[in-house]
């Protein structure tokens, strides 16, 4: 499961702790968000399972987070979120990739390139 971020302070702490971050910006009222959310959660779960299985290729340097744009609008504004779902991929606090929309294939490609 991804980590649900409920405040800007919580987000900033995670950003400092993890070199890599995959962010799902969504809203509870967003239909496409509901369709792609299981795919994002699946990637988060797969990463955690790889770590538990002591997979030597898996690294504990990435976190998957979910942000409701209505609950934490300051983070959505910081990353210029204008459509949902939007996925942002960060390395050392800097955005390296983005996906707007509910395209599972593109999401998988971008997550794999981040990991």
PDB file of N, CA and C in Angstrom:
ATOM      1  N   UNK A   1       0.833  -1.189   0.000  1.00  0.00           N
ATOM      2  CA  UNK A   1       0.000   0.000   0.000  1.00  0.00           C
ATOM      3  C   UNK A   1       0.877   1.252   0.000  1.00  0.00           C
ATOM      4  N   UNK A   2       0.344   2.271  -0.643  1.00  0.00           N
ATOM      5  CA  UNK A   2       1.054   3.543  -0.642  1.00  0.00           C
ATOM      6  C   UNK A   2       0.822   4.252   0.692  1.00  0.00           C
ATOM      7  N   UNK A   3       1.637   5.240   0.949  1.00  0.00           N
ATOM      8  CA  UNK A   3       1.502   6.048   2.151  1.00  0.00           C
ATOM      9  C   UNK A   3       0.588   7.228   1.842  1.00  0.00           C
ATOM     10  N   UNK A   4      -0.464   7.375   2.610  1.00  0.00           N
ATOM     11  CA  UNK A   4      -1.399   8.483   2.424  1.00  0.00           C
ATOM     12  C   UNK A   4      -0.852   9.693   3.172  1.00  0.00           C
ATOM     13  N   UNK A   5      -0.660  10.778   2.443  1.00  0.00           N
ATOM     14  CA  UNK A   5      -0.111  11.998   3.023  1.00  0.00           C
ATOM     15  C   UNK A   5      -1.264  12.937   3.366  1.00  0.00           C
ATOM     16  N   UNK A   6      -1.303  13.380   4.625  1.00  0.00           N
ATOM     17  CA  UNK A   6      -2.402  14.216   5.098  1.00  0.00           C
ATOM     18  C   UNK A   6      -2.014  15.668   5.375  1.00  0.00           C
ATOM     19  N   UNK A   7      -0.728  15.991   5.217  1.00  0.00           N
ATOM     20  CA  UNK A   7      -0.303  17.366   5.481  1.00  0.00           C
ATOM     21  C   UNK A   7       0.983  17.671   4.719  1.00  0.00           C
ATOM     22  N   UNK A   8       1.224  18.954   4.517  1.00  0.00           N
ATOM     23  CA  UNK A   8       2.454  19.379   3.855  1.00  0.00           C
ATOM     24  C   UNK A   8       3.671  19.011   4.697  1.00  0.00           C
ATOM     25  N   UNK A   9       3.553  19.113   6.002  1.00  0.00           N
ATOM     26  CA  UNK A   9       4.658  18.772   6.891  1.00  0.00           C
ATOM     27  C   UNK A   9       5.026  17.293   6.750  1.00  0.00           C
ATOM     28  N   UNK A  10       4.022  16.440   6.728  1.00  0.00           N
ATOM     29  CA  UNK A  10       4.256  15.003   6.561  1.00  0.00           C
ATOM     30  C   UNK A  10       4.933  14.732   5.214  1.00  0.00           C
ATOM     31  N   UNK A  11       4.466  15.383   4.170  1.00  0.00           N
ATOM     32  CA  UNK A  11       5.051  15.215   2.839  1.00  0.00           C
ATOM     33  C   UNK A  11       6.526  15.627   2.849  1.00  0.00           C
ATOM     34  N   UNK A  12       6.823  16.757   3.430  1.00  0.00           N
ATOM     35  CA  UNK A  12       8.205  17.257   3.449  1.00  0.00           C
ATOM     36  C   UNK A  12       9.140  16.333   4.215  1.00  0.00           C
ATOM     37  N   UNK A  13       8.652  15.724   5.288  1.00  0.00           N
ATOM     38  CA  UNK A  13       9.466  14.766   6.040  1.00  0.00           C
ATOM     39  C   UNK A  13       9.784  13.545   5.183  1.00  0.00           C
ATOM     40  N   UNK A  14       8.791  13.043   4.454  1.00  0.00           N
ATOM     41  CA  UNK A  14       9.002  11.883   3.583  1.00  0.00           C
ATOM     42  C   UNK A  14       9.950  12.236   2.442  1.00  0.00           C
ATOM     43  N   UNK A  15       9.811  13.431   1.920  1.00  0.00           N
ATOM     44  CA  UNK A  15      10.661  13.898   0.825  1.00  0.00           C
ATOM     45  C   UNK A  15      12.126  13.927   1.244  1.00  0.00           C
ATOM     46  N   UNK A  16      12.390  14.295   2.491  1.00  0.00           N
ATOM     47  CA  UNK A  16      13.763  14.317   3.002  1.00  0.00           C
ATOM     48  C   UNK A  16      14.296  12.914   3.281  1.00  0.00           C
ATOM     49  N   UNK A  17      13.397  12.010   3.660  1.00  0.00           N
ATOM     50  CA  UNK A  17      13.804  10.661   4.055  1.00  0.00           C
ATOM     51  C   UNK A  17      14.089   9.741   2.863  1.00  0.00           C
ATOM     52  N   UNK A  18      13.300   9.877   1.795  1.00  0.00           N
ATOM     53  CA  UNK A  18      13.409   8.962   0.664  1.00  0.00           C
ATOM     54  C   UNK A  18      13.981   9.663  -0.567  1.00  0.00           C
ATOM     55  N   UNK A  19      15.049   9.117  -1.143  1.00  0.00           N
ATOM     56  CA  UNK A  19      15.623   9.723  -2.343  1.00  0.00           C
ATOM     57  C   UNK A  19      14.686   9.682  -3.553  1.00  0.00           C
ATOM     58  N   UNK A  20      13.823   8.651  -3.608  1.00  0.00           N
ATOM     59  CA  UNK A  20      12.911   8.502  -4.745  1.00  0.00           C
ATOM     60  C   UNK A  20      11.474   8.478  -4.251  1.00  0.00           C
ATOM     61  N   UNK A  21      10.605   9.159  -4.987  1.00  0.00           N
ATOM     62  CA  UNK A  21       9.207   9.228  -4.584  1.00  0.00           C
ATOM     63  C   UNK A  21       8.306   9.161  -5.811  1.00  0.00           C
ATOM     64  N   UNK A  22       7.305   8.305  -5.740  1.00  0.00           N
ATOM     65  CA  UNK A  22       6.247   8.242  -6.750  1.00  0.00           C
ATOM     66  C   UNK A  22       4.983   8.773  -6.075  1.00  0.00           C
ATOM     67  N   UNK A  23       4.378   9.792  -6.676  1.00  0.00           N
ATOM     68  CA  UNK A  23       3.231  10.454  -6.054  1.00  0.00           C
ATOM     69  C   UNK A  23       2.003  10.302  -6.941  1.00  0.00           C
ATOM     70  N   UNK A  24       0.912   9.883  -6.328  1.00  0.00           N
ATOM     71  CA  UNK A  24      -0.389   9.810  -6.985  1.00  0.00           C
ATOM     72  C   UNK A  24      -1.231  10.971  -6.460  1.00  0.00           C
ATOM     73  N   UNK A  25      -1.434  11.983  -7.294  1.00  0.00           N
ATOM     74  CA  UNK A  25      -2.320  13.095  -6.942  1.00  0.00           C
ATOM     75  C   UNK A  25      -3.707  12.744  -7.443  1.00  0.00           C
ATOM     76  N   UNK A  26      -4.668  12.686  -6.524  1.00  0.00           N
ATOM     77  CA  UNK A  26      -6.011  12.284  -6.905  1.00  0.00           C
ATOM     78  C   UNK A  26      -7.047  13.019  -6.072  1.00  0.00           C
ATOM     79  N   UNK A  27      -8.316  12.716  -6.343  1.00  0.00           N
ATOM     80  CA  UNK A  27      -9.431  13.263  -5.570  1.00  0.00           C
ATOM     81  C   UNK A  27     -10.480  12.164  -5.436  1.00  0.00           C
ATOM     82  N   UNK A  28     -11.222  12.185  -4.341  1.00  0.00           N
ATOM     83  CA  UNK A  28     -12.207  11.132  -4.105  1.00  0.00           C
ATOM     84  C   UNK A  28     -13.327  11.141  -5.150  1.00  0.00           C
ATOM     85  N   UNK A  29     -13.581  12.279  -5.745  1.00  0.00           N
ATOM     86  CA  UNK A  29     -14.659  12.400  -6.721  1.00  0.00           C
ATOM     87  C   UNK A  29     -14.212  12.083  -8.153  1.00  0.00           C
ATOM     88  N   UNK A  30     -12.955  11.772  -8.343  1.00  0.00           N
ATOM     89  CA  UNK A  30     -12.371  11.563  -9.673  1.00  0.00           C
ATOM     90  C   UNK A  30     -12.532  10.109 -10.127  1.00  0.00           C
ATOM     91  N   UNK A  31     -13.340   9.899 -11.148  1.00  0.00           N
ATOM     92  CA  UNK A  31     -13.576   8.557 -11.682  1.00  0.00           C
ATOM     93  C   UNK A  31     -12.322   7.878 -12.214  1.00  0.00           C
ATOM     94  N   UNK A  32     -11.549   8.528 -13.105  1.00  0.00           N
ATOM     95  CA  UNK A  32     -10.327   7.891 -13.605  1.00  0.00           C
ATOM     96  C   UNK A  32      -9.326   7.565 -12.495  1.00  0.00           C
ATOM     97  N   UNK A  33      -9.327   8.362 -11.428  1.00  0.00           N
ATOM     98  CA  UNK A  33      -8.435   8.094 -10.290  1.00  0.00           C
ATOM     99  C   UNK A  33      -8.776   6.737  -9.670  1.00  0.00           C
ATOM    100  N   UNK A  34     -10.060   6.471  -9.564  1.00  0.00           N
ATOM    101  CA  UNK A  34     -10.504   5.206  -8.973  1.00  0.00           C
ATOM    102  C   UNK A  34     -10.119   4.022  -9.856  1.00  0.00           C
ATOM    103  N   UNK A  35     -10.089   4.245 -11.167  1.00  0.00           N
ATOM    104  CA  UNK A  35      -9.741   3.163 -12.084  1.00  0.00           C
ATOM    105  C   UNK A  35      -8.261   2.799 -12.033  1.00  0.00           C
ATOM    106  N   UNK A  36      -7.397   3.791 -11.883  1.00  0.00           N
ATOM    107  CA  UNK A  36      -5.956   3.507 -11.931  1.00  0.00           C
ATOM    108  C   UNK A  36      -5.331   3.313 -10.545  1.00  0.00           C
ATOM    109  N   UNK A  37      -6.042   3.689  -9.524  1.00  0.00           N
ATOM    110  CA  UNK A  37      -5.519   3.553  -8.163  1.00  0.00           C
ATOM    111  C   UNK A  37      -5.045   2.135  -7.838  1.00  0.00           C
ATOM    112  N   UNK A  38      -5.787   1.084  -8.214  1.00  0.00           N
ATOM    113  CA  UNK A  38      -5.292  -0.269  -7.918  1.00  0.00           C
ATOM    114  C   UNK A  38      -3.948  -0.580  -8.578  1.00  0.00           C
ATOM    115  N   UNK A  39      -3.690  -0.026  -9.756  1.00  0.00           N
ATOM    116  CA  UNK A  39      -2.401  -0.261 -10.416  1.00  0.00           C
ATOM    117  C   UNK A  39      -1.271   0.402  -9.635  1.00  0.00           C
ATOM    118  N   UNK A  40      -1.490   1.644  -9.187  1.00  0.00           N
ATOM    119  CA  UNK A  40      -0.479   2.343  -8.390  1.00  0.00           C
ATOM    120  C   UNK A  40      -0.231   1.600  -7.087  1.00  0.00           C
ATOM    121  N   UNK A  41      -1.312   1.179  -6.435  1.00  0.00           N
ATOM    122  CA  UNK A  41      -1.182   0.433  -5.183  1.00  0.00           C
ATOM    123  C   UNK A  41      -0.457  -0.889  -5.412  1.00  0.00           C
ATOM    124  N   UNK A  42      -0.690  -1.497  -6.563  1.00  0.00           N
ATOM    125  CA  UNK A  42      -0.011  -2.750  -6.895  1.00  0.00           C
ATOM    126  C   UNK A  42       1.497  -2.568  -6.991  1.00  0.00           C
ATOM    127  N   UNK A  43       1.932  -1.458  -7.568  1.00  0.00           N
ATOM    128  CA  UNK A  43       3.369  -1.176  -7.654  1.00  0.00           C
ATOM    129  C   UNK A  43       3.960  -0.944  -6.262  1.00  0.00           C
ATOM    130  N   UNK A  44       3.223  -0.232  -5.426  1.00  0.00           N
ATOM    131  CA  UNK A  44       3.683   0.017  -4.053  1.00  0.00           C
ATOM    132  C   UNK A  44       3.799  -1.291  -3.287  1.00  0.00           C
ATOM    133  N   UNK A  45       2.806  -2.134  -3.439  1.00  0.00           N
ATOM    134  CA  UNK A  45       2.802  -3.432  -2.749  1.00  0.00           C
ATOM    135  C   UNK A  45       3.941  -4.323  -3.249  1.00  0.00           C
ATOM    136  N   UNK A  46       4.160  -4.335  -4.551  1.00  0.00           N
ATOM    137  CA  UNK A  46       5.227  -5.156  -5.122  1.00  0.00           C
ATOM    138  C   UNK A  46       6.595  -4.725  -4.596  1.00  0.00           C
ATOM    139  N   UNK A  47       6.794  -3.429  -4.452  1.00  0.00           N
ATOM    140  CA  UNK A  47       8.071  -2.923  -3.923  1.00  0.00           C
ATOM    141  C   UNK A  47       8.259  -3.371  -2.475  1.00  0.00           C
ATOM    142  N   UNK A  48       7.212  -3.262  -1.671  1.00  0.00           N
ATOM    143  CA  UNK A  48       7.308  -3.681  -0.267  1.00  0.00           C
ATOM    144  C   UNK A  48       7.549  -5.177  -0.158  1.00  0.00           C
ATOM    145  N   UNK A  49       6.887  -5.966  -1.003  1.00  0.00           N
ATOM    146  CA  UNK A  49       7.073  -7.416  -0.964  1.00  0.00           C
ATOM    147  C   UNK A  49       8.483  -7.801  -1.386  1.00  0.00           C
ATOM    148  N   UNK A  50       9.043  -7.081  -2.347  1.00  0.00           N
ATOM    149  CA  UNK A  50      10.414  -7.359  -2.773  1.00  0.00           C
ATOM    150  C   UNK A  50      11.395  -7.096  -1.629  1.00  0.00           C
ATOM    151  N   UNK A  51      11.137  -6.050  -0.862  1.00  0.00           N
ATOM    152  CA  UNK A  51      12.002  -5.760   0.286  1.00  0.00           C
ATOM    153  C   UNK A  51      11.867  -6.832   1.357  1.00  0.00           C
ATOM    154  N   UNK A  52      10.628  -7.271   1.618  1.00  0.00           N
ATOM    155  CA  UNK A  52      10.410  -8.305   2.636  1.00  0.00           C
ATOM    156  C   UNK A  52      11.043  -9.624   2.224  1.00  0.00           C
ATOM    157  N   UNK A  53      11.047  -9.902   0.930  1.00  0.00           N
ATOM    158  CA  UNK A  53      11.605 -11.159   0.431  1.00  0.00           C
ATOM    159  C   UNK A  53      13.131 -11.110   0.366  1.00  0.00           C
ATOM    160  N   UNK A  54      13.679  -9.975   0.791  1.00  0.00           N
ATOM    161  CA  UNK A  54      15.130  -9.782   0.783  1.00  0.00           C
ATOM    162  C   UNK A  54      15.696  -9.907  -0.621  1.00  0.00           C
ATOM    163  N   UNK A  55      14.945  -9.377  -1.554  1.00  0.00           N
ATOM    164  CA  UNK A  55      15.395  -9.343  -2.936  1.00  0.00           C
ATOM    165  C   UNK A  55      16.580  -8.386  -3.009  1.00  0.00           C
ATOM    166  N   UNK A  56      17.715  -8.884  -3.426  1.00  0.00           N
ATOM    167  CA  UNK A  56      18.918  -8.054  -3.430  1.00  0.00           C
ATOM    168  C   UNK A  56      18.836  -6.898  -4.425  1.00  0.00           C
ATOM    169  N   UNK A  57      17.933  -6.989  -5.393  1.00  0.00           N
ATOM    170  CA  UNK A  57      17.777  -5.897  -6.360  1.00  0.00           C
ATOM    171  C   UNK A  57      16.863  -4.790  -5.830  1.00  0.00           C
ATOM    172  N   UNK A  58      16.025  -5.107  -4.847  1.00  0.00           N
ATOM    173  CA  UNK A  58      15.096  -4.119  -4.304  1.00  0.00           C
ATOM    174  C   UNK A  58      15.826  -3.206  -3.325  1.00  0.00           C
ATOM    175  N   UNK A  59      15.552  -1.920  -3.431  1.00  0.00           N
ATOM    176  CA  UNK A  59      16.191  -0.950  -2.548  1.00  0.00           C
ATOM    177  C   UNK A  59      15.130  -0.211  -1.761  1.00  0.00           C
ATOM    178  N   UNK A  60      15.463   0.090  -0.511  1.00  0.00           N
ATOM    179  CA  UNK A  60      14.538   0.809   0.368  1.00  0.00           C
ATOM    180  C   UNK A  60      14.768   2.318   0.248  1.00  0.00           C
ATOM    181  N   UNK A  61      14.833   2.798  -0.985  1.00  0.00           N
ATOM    182  CA  UNK A  61      15.082   4.215  -1.198  1.00  0.00           C
ATOM    183  C   UNK A  61      13.923   4.897  -1.920  1.00  0.00           C
ATOM    184  N   UNK A  62      12.802   4.184  -2.042  1.00  0.00           N
ATOM    185  CA  UNK A  62      11.661   4.728  -2.770  1.00  0.00           C
ATOM    186  C   UNK A  62      10.407   4.596  -1.917  1.00  0.00           C
ATOM    187  N   UNK A  63       9.541   5.585  -2.056  1.00  0.00           N
ATOM    188  CA  UNK A  63       8.256   5.533  -1.369  1.00  0.00           C
ATOM    189  C   UNK A  63       7.159   5.911  -2.368  1.00  0.00           C
ATOM    190  N   UNK A  64       6.046   5.245  -2.251  1.00  0.00           N
ATOM    191  CA  UNK A  64       4.863   5.539  -3.046  1.00  0.00           C
ATOM    192  C   UNK A  64       3.887   6.280  -2.139  1.00  0.00           C
ATOM    193  N   UNK A  65       3.485   7.477  -2.541  1.00  0.00           N
ATOM    194  CA  UNK A  65       2.570   8.262  -1.714  1.00  0.00           C
ATOM    195  C   UNK A  65       1.342   8.658  -2.513  1.00  0.00           C
ATOM    196  N   UNK A  66       0.244   8.800  -1.778  1.00  0.00           N
ATOM    197  CA  UNK A  66      -1.027   9.239  -2.359  1.00  0.00           C
ATOM    198  C   UNK A  66      -1.428  10.536  -1.681  1.00  0.00           C
ATOM    199  N   UNK A  67      -1.783  11.519  -2.505  1.00  0.00           N
ATOM    200  CA  UNK A  67      -2.194  12.816  -1.990  1.00  0.00           C
ATOM    201  C   UNK A  67      -3.540  13.193  -2.586  1.00  0.00           C
ATOM    202  N   UNK A  68      -4.506  13.426  -1.720  1.00  0.00           N
ATOM    203  CA  UNK A  68      -5.808  13.934  -2.146  1.00  0.00           C
ATOM    204  C   UNK A  68      -5.655  15.446  -2.316  1.00  0.00           C
ATOM    205  N   UNK A  69      -5.871  15.929  -3.535  1.00  0.00           N
ATOM    206  CA  UNK A  69      -5.631  17.353  -3.823  1.00  0.00           C
ATOM    207  C   UNK A  69      -6.548  18.275  -3.029  1.00  0.00           C
ATOM    208  N   UNK A  70      -7.698  17.767  -2.599  1.00  0.00           N
ATOM    209  CA  UNK A  70      -8.613  18.575  -1.798  1.00  0.00           C
ATOM    210  C   UNK A  70      -8.223  18.605  -0.327  1.00  0.00           C
ATOM    211  N   UNK A  71      -7.483  17.601   0.105  1.00  0.00           N
ATOM    212  CA  UNK A  71      -7.063  17.514   1.502  1.00  0.00           C
ATOM    213  C   UNK A  71      -5.726  18.214   1.758  1.00  0.00           C
ATOM    214  N   UNK A  72      -4.845  18.204   0.774  1.00  0.00           N
ATOM    215  CA  UNK A  72      -3.529  18.821   0.919  1.00  0.00           C
ATOM    216  C   UNK A  72      -3.282  19.720  -0.309  1.00  0.00           C
ATOM    217  N   UNK A  73      -4.065  20.777  -0.425  1.00  0.00           N
ATOM    218  CA  UNK A  73      -3.979  21.619  -1.633  1.00  0.00           C
ATOM    219  C   UNK A  73      -2.636  22.325  -1.810  1.00  0.00           C
ATOM    220  N   UNK A  74      -1.927  22.593  -0.715  1.00  0.00           N
ATOM    221  CA  UNK A  74      -0.651  23.291  -0.851  1.00  0.00           C
ATOM    222  C   UNK A  74       0.384  22.463  -1.605  1.00  0.00           C
ATOM    223  N   UNK A  75       0.357  21.152  -1.439  1.00  0.00           N
ATOM    224  CA  UNK A  75       1.289  20.293  -2.181  1.00  0.00           C
ATOM    225  C   UNK A  75       0.841  20.195  -3.641  1.00  0.00           C
ATOM    226  N   UNK A  76      -0.456  20.089  -3.867  1.00  0.00           N
ATOM    227  CA  UNK A  76      -0.970  20.059  -5.246  1.00  0.00           C
ATOM    228  C   UNK A  76      -0.587  21.351  -5.980  1.00  0.00           C
ATOM    229  N   UNK A  77      -0.675  22.462  -5.294  1.00  0.00           N
ATOM    230  CA  UNK A  77      -0.308  23.743  -5.910  1.00  0.00           C
ATOM    231  C   UNK A  77       1.197  23.814  -6.174  1.00  0.00           C
ATOM    232  N   UNK A  78       1.981  23.316  -5.232  1.00  0.00           N
ATOM    233  CA  UNK A  78       3.439  23.328  -5.395  1.00  0.00           C
ATOM    234  C   UNK A  78       3.862  22.602  -6.668  1.00  0.00           C
ATOM    235  N   UNK A  79       3.155  21.511  -6.999  1.00  0.00           N
ATOM    236  CA  UNK A  79       3.498  20.713  -8.176  1.00  0.00           C
ATOM    237  C   UNK A  79       2.601  21.015  -9.380  1.00  0.00           C
ATOM    238  N   UNK A  80       1.870  22.135  -9.312  1.00  0.00           N
ATOM    239  CA  UNK A  80       1.035  22.601 -10.430  1.00  0.00           C
ATOM    240  C   UNK A  80       0.076  21.539 -10.959  1.00  0.00           C
ATOM    241  N   UNK A  81      -0.627  20.894 -10.045  1.00  0.00           N
ATOM    242  CA  UNK A  81      -1.583  19.865 -10.435  1.00  0.00           C
ATOM    243  C   UNK A  81      -2.853  20.541 -10.951  1.00  0.00           C
ATOM    244  N   UNK A  82      -3.186  20.273 -12.199  1.00  0.00           N
ATOM    245  CA  UNK A  82      -4.377  20.865 -12.810  1.00  0.00           C
ATOM    246  C   UNK A  82      -5.354  19.812 -13.311  1.00  0.00           C
ATOM    247  N   UNK A  83      -4.949  18.545 -13.300  1.00  0.00           N
ATOM    248  CA  UNK A  83      -5.817  17.456 -13.743  1.00  0.00           C
ATOM    249  C   UNK A  83      -5.527  16.239 -12.873  1.00  0.00           C
ATOM    250  N   UNK A  84      -6.535  15.402 -12.725  1.00  0.00           N
ATOM    251  CA  UNK A  84      -6.358  14.173 -11.973  1.00  0.00           C
ATOM    252  C   UNK A  84      -6.834  13.004 -12.821  1.00  0.00           C
ATOM    253  N   UNK A  85      -6.143  11.864 -12.648  1.00  0.00           N
ATOM    254  CA  UNK A  85      -4.965  11.690 -11.806  1.00  0.00           C
ATOM    255  C   UNK A  85      -3.711  12.258 -12.476  1.00  0.00           C
ATOM    256  N   UNK A  86      -2.813  12.711 -11.646  1.00  0.00           N
ATOM    257  CA  UNK A  86      -1.471  13.100 -12.093  1.00  0.00           C
ATOM    258  C   UNK A  86      -0.477  12.375 -11.201  1.00  0.00           C
ATOM    259  N   UNK A  87       0.502  11.788 -11.828  1.00  0.00           N
ATOM    260  CA  UNK A  87       1.569  11.092 -11.106  1.00  0.00           C
ATOM    261  C   UNK A  87       2.858  11.868 -11.320  1.00  0.00           C
ATOM    262  N   UNK A  88       3.555  12.123 -10.241  1.00  0.00           N
ATOM    263  CA  UNK A  88       4.851  12.793 -10.300  1.00  0.00           C
ATOM    264  C   UNK A  88       5.897  11.824  -9.775  1.00  0.00           C
ATOM    265  N   UNK A  89       7.061  11.874 -10.384  1.00  0.00           N
ATOM    266  CA  UNK A  89       8.163  10.998 -10.002  1.00  0.00           C
ATOM    267  C   UNK A  89       9.356  11.884  -9.658  1.00  0.00           C
ATOM    268  N   UNK A  90       9.826  11.748  -8.413  1.00  0.00           N
ATOM    269  CA  UNK A  90      10.885  12.616  -7.910  1.00  0.00           C
ATOM    270  C   UNK A  90      12.136  11.819  -7.567  1.00  0.00           C
ATOM    271  N   UNK A  91      13.276  12.437  -7.813  1.00  0.00           N
ATOM    272  CA  UNK A  91      14.562  11.896  -7.386  1.00  0.00           C
ATOM    273  C   UNK A  91      15.292  13.033  -6.691  1.00  0.00           C
ATOM    274  N   UNK A  92      15.661  12.787  -5.436  1.00  0.00           N
ATOM    275  CA  UNK A  92      16.324  13.798  -4.608  1.00  0.00           C
ATOM    276  C   UNK A  92      15.544  15.115  -4.586  1.00  0.00           C
ATOM    277  N   UNK A  93      14.221  14.997  -4.512  1.00  0.00           N
ATOM    278  CA  UNK A  93      13.356  16.164  -4.398  1.00  0.00           C
ATOM    279  C   UNK A  93      13.053  16.880  -5.699  1.00  0.00           C
ATOM    280  N   UNK A  94      13.643  16.422  -6.796  1.00  0.00           N
ATOM    281  CA  UNK A  94      13.422  17.073  -8.079  1.00  0.00           C
ATOM    282  C   UNK A  94      12.559  16.186  -8.980  1.00  0.00           C
ATOM    283  N   UNK A  95      11.624  16.817  -9.659  1.00  0.00           N
ATOM    284  CA  UNK A  95      10.748  16.077 -10.567  1.00  0.00           C
ATOM    285  C   UNK A  95      11.540  15.578 -11.772  1.00  0.00           C
ATOM    286  N   UNK A  96      11.445  14.266 -12.028  1.00  0.00           N
ATOM    287  CA  UNK A  96      12.137  13.679 -13.170  1.00  0.00           C
ATOM    288  C   UNK A  96      11.174  13.159 -14.229  1.00  0.00           C
ATOM    289  N   UNK A  97       9.901  12.983 -13.847  1.00  0.00           N
ATOM    290  CA  UNK A  97       8.919  12.491 -14.810  1.00  0.00           C
ATOM    291  C   UNK A  97       7.517  12.794 -14.305  1.00  0.00           C
ATOM    292  N   UNK A  98       6.559  12.680 -15.223  1.00  0.00           N
ATOM    293  CA  UNK A  98       5.174  12.984 -14.902  1.00  0.00           C
ATOM    294  C   UNK A  98       4.269  12.165 -15.813  1.00  0.00           C
ATOM    295  N   UNK A  99       3.118  11.819 -15.297  1.00  0.00           N
ATOM    296  CA  UNK A  99       2.078  11.170 -16.093  1.00  0.00           C
ATOM    297  C   UNK A  99       0.754  11.803 -15.717  1.00  0.00           C
ATOM    298  N   UNK A 100       0.060  12.312 -16.713  1.00  0.00           N
ATOM    299  CA  UNK A 100      -1.281  12.854 -16.491  1.00  0.00           C
ATOM    300  C   UNK A 100      -2.259  11.910 -17.153  1.00  0.00           C
ATOM    301  N   UNK A 101      -3.213  11.420 -16.363  1.00  0.00           N
ATOM    302  CA  UNK A 101      -4.217  10.510 -16.893  1.00  0.00           C
ATOM    303  C   UNK A 101      -4.068   9.108 -16.346  1.00  0.00           C
ATOM    304  N   UNK A 102      -5.034   8.273 -16.702  1.00  0.00           N
ATOM    305  CA  UNK A 102      -5.122   6.922 -16.153  1.00  0.00           C
ATOM    306  C   UNK A 102      -4.659   5.875 -17.158  1.00  0.00           C
ATOM    307  N   UNK A 103      -3.392   5.940 -17.545  1.00  0.00           N
ATOM    308  CA  UNK A 103      -2.826   5.000 -18.501  1.00  0.00           C
ATOM    309  C   UNK A 103      -1.943   4.002 -17.752  1.00  0.00           C
ATOM    310  N   UNK A 104      -2.456   2.787 -17.561  1.00  0.00           N
ATOM    311  CA  UNK A 104      -1.733   1.783 -16.764  1.00  0.00           C
ATOM    312  C   UNK A 104      -0.384   1.410 -17.360  1.00  0.00           C
ATOM    313  N   UNK A 105      -0.324   1.286 -18.675  1.00  0.00           N
ATOM    314  CA  UNK A 105       0.933   0.926 -19.322  1.00  0.00           C
ATOM    315  C   UNK A 105       2.002   1.986 -19.112  1.00  0.00           C
ATOM    316  N   UNK A 106       1.620   3.245 -19.274  1.00  0.00           N
ATOM    317  CA  UNK A 106       2.571   4.339 -19.059  1.00  0.00           C
ATOM    318  C   UNK A 106       2.987   4.425 -17.598  1.00  0.00           C
ATOM    319  N   UNK A 107       2.039   4.180 -16.696  1.00  0.00           N
ATOM    320  CA  UNK A 107       2.366   4.199 -15.270  1.00  0.00           C
ATOM    321  C   UNK A 107       3.409   3.135 -14.955  1.00  0.00           C
ATOM    322  N   UNK A 108       3.214   1.941 -15.470  1.00  0.00           N
ATOM    323  CA  UNK A 108       4.159   0.859 -15.212  1.00  0.00           C
ATOM    324  C   UNK A 108       5.549   1.204 -15.749  1.00  0.00           C
ATOM    325  N   UNK A 109       5.611   1.760 -16.938  1.00  0.00           N
ATOM    326  CA  UNK A 109       6.884   2.136 -17.540  1.00  0.00           C
ATOM    327  C   UNK A 109       7.611   3.173 -16.684  1.00  0.00           C
ATOM    328  N   UNK A 110       6.873   4.173 -16.224  1.00  0.00           N
ATOM    329  CA  UNK A 110       7.484   5.249 -15.450  1.00  0.00           C
ATOM    330  C   UNK A 110       7.927   4.781 -14.070  1.00  0.00           C
ATOM    331  N   UNK A 111       7.126   3.903 -13.450  1.00  0.00           N
ATOM    332  CA  UNK A 111       7.503   3.360 -12.143  1.00  0.00           C
ATOM    333  C   UNK A 111       8.778   2.517 -12.289  1.00  0.00           C
ATOM    334  N   UNK A 112       8.827   1.686 -13.316  1.00  0.00           N
ATOM    335  CA  UNK A 112      10.013   0.831 -13.515  1.00  0.00           C
ATOM    336  C   UNK A 112      11.260   1.667 -13.756  1.00  0.00           C
ATOM    337  N   UNK A 113      11.123   2.777 -14.462  1.00  0.00           N
ATOM    338  CA  UNK A 113      12.296   3.608 -14.708  1.00  0.00           C
ATOM    339  C   UNK A 113      12.755   4.324 -13.437  1.00  0.00           C
ATOM    340  N   UNK A 114      11.826   4.572 -12.522  1.00  0.00           N
ATOM    341  CA  UNK A 114      12.184   5.212 -11.257  1.00  0.00           C
ATOM    342  C   UNK A 114      12.890   4.231 -10.329  1.00  0.00           C
ATOM    343  N   UNK A 115      12.402   3.011 -10.308  1.00  0.00           N
ATOM    344  CA  UNK A 115      12.968   1.996  -9.409  1.00  0.00           C
ATOM    345  C   UNK A 115      14.332   1.601  -9.919  1.00  0.00           C
TER     346      UNK A 115
END
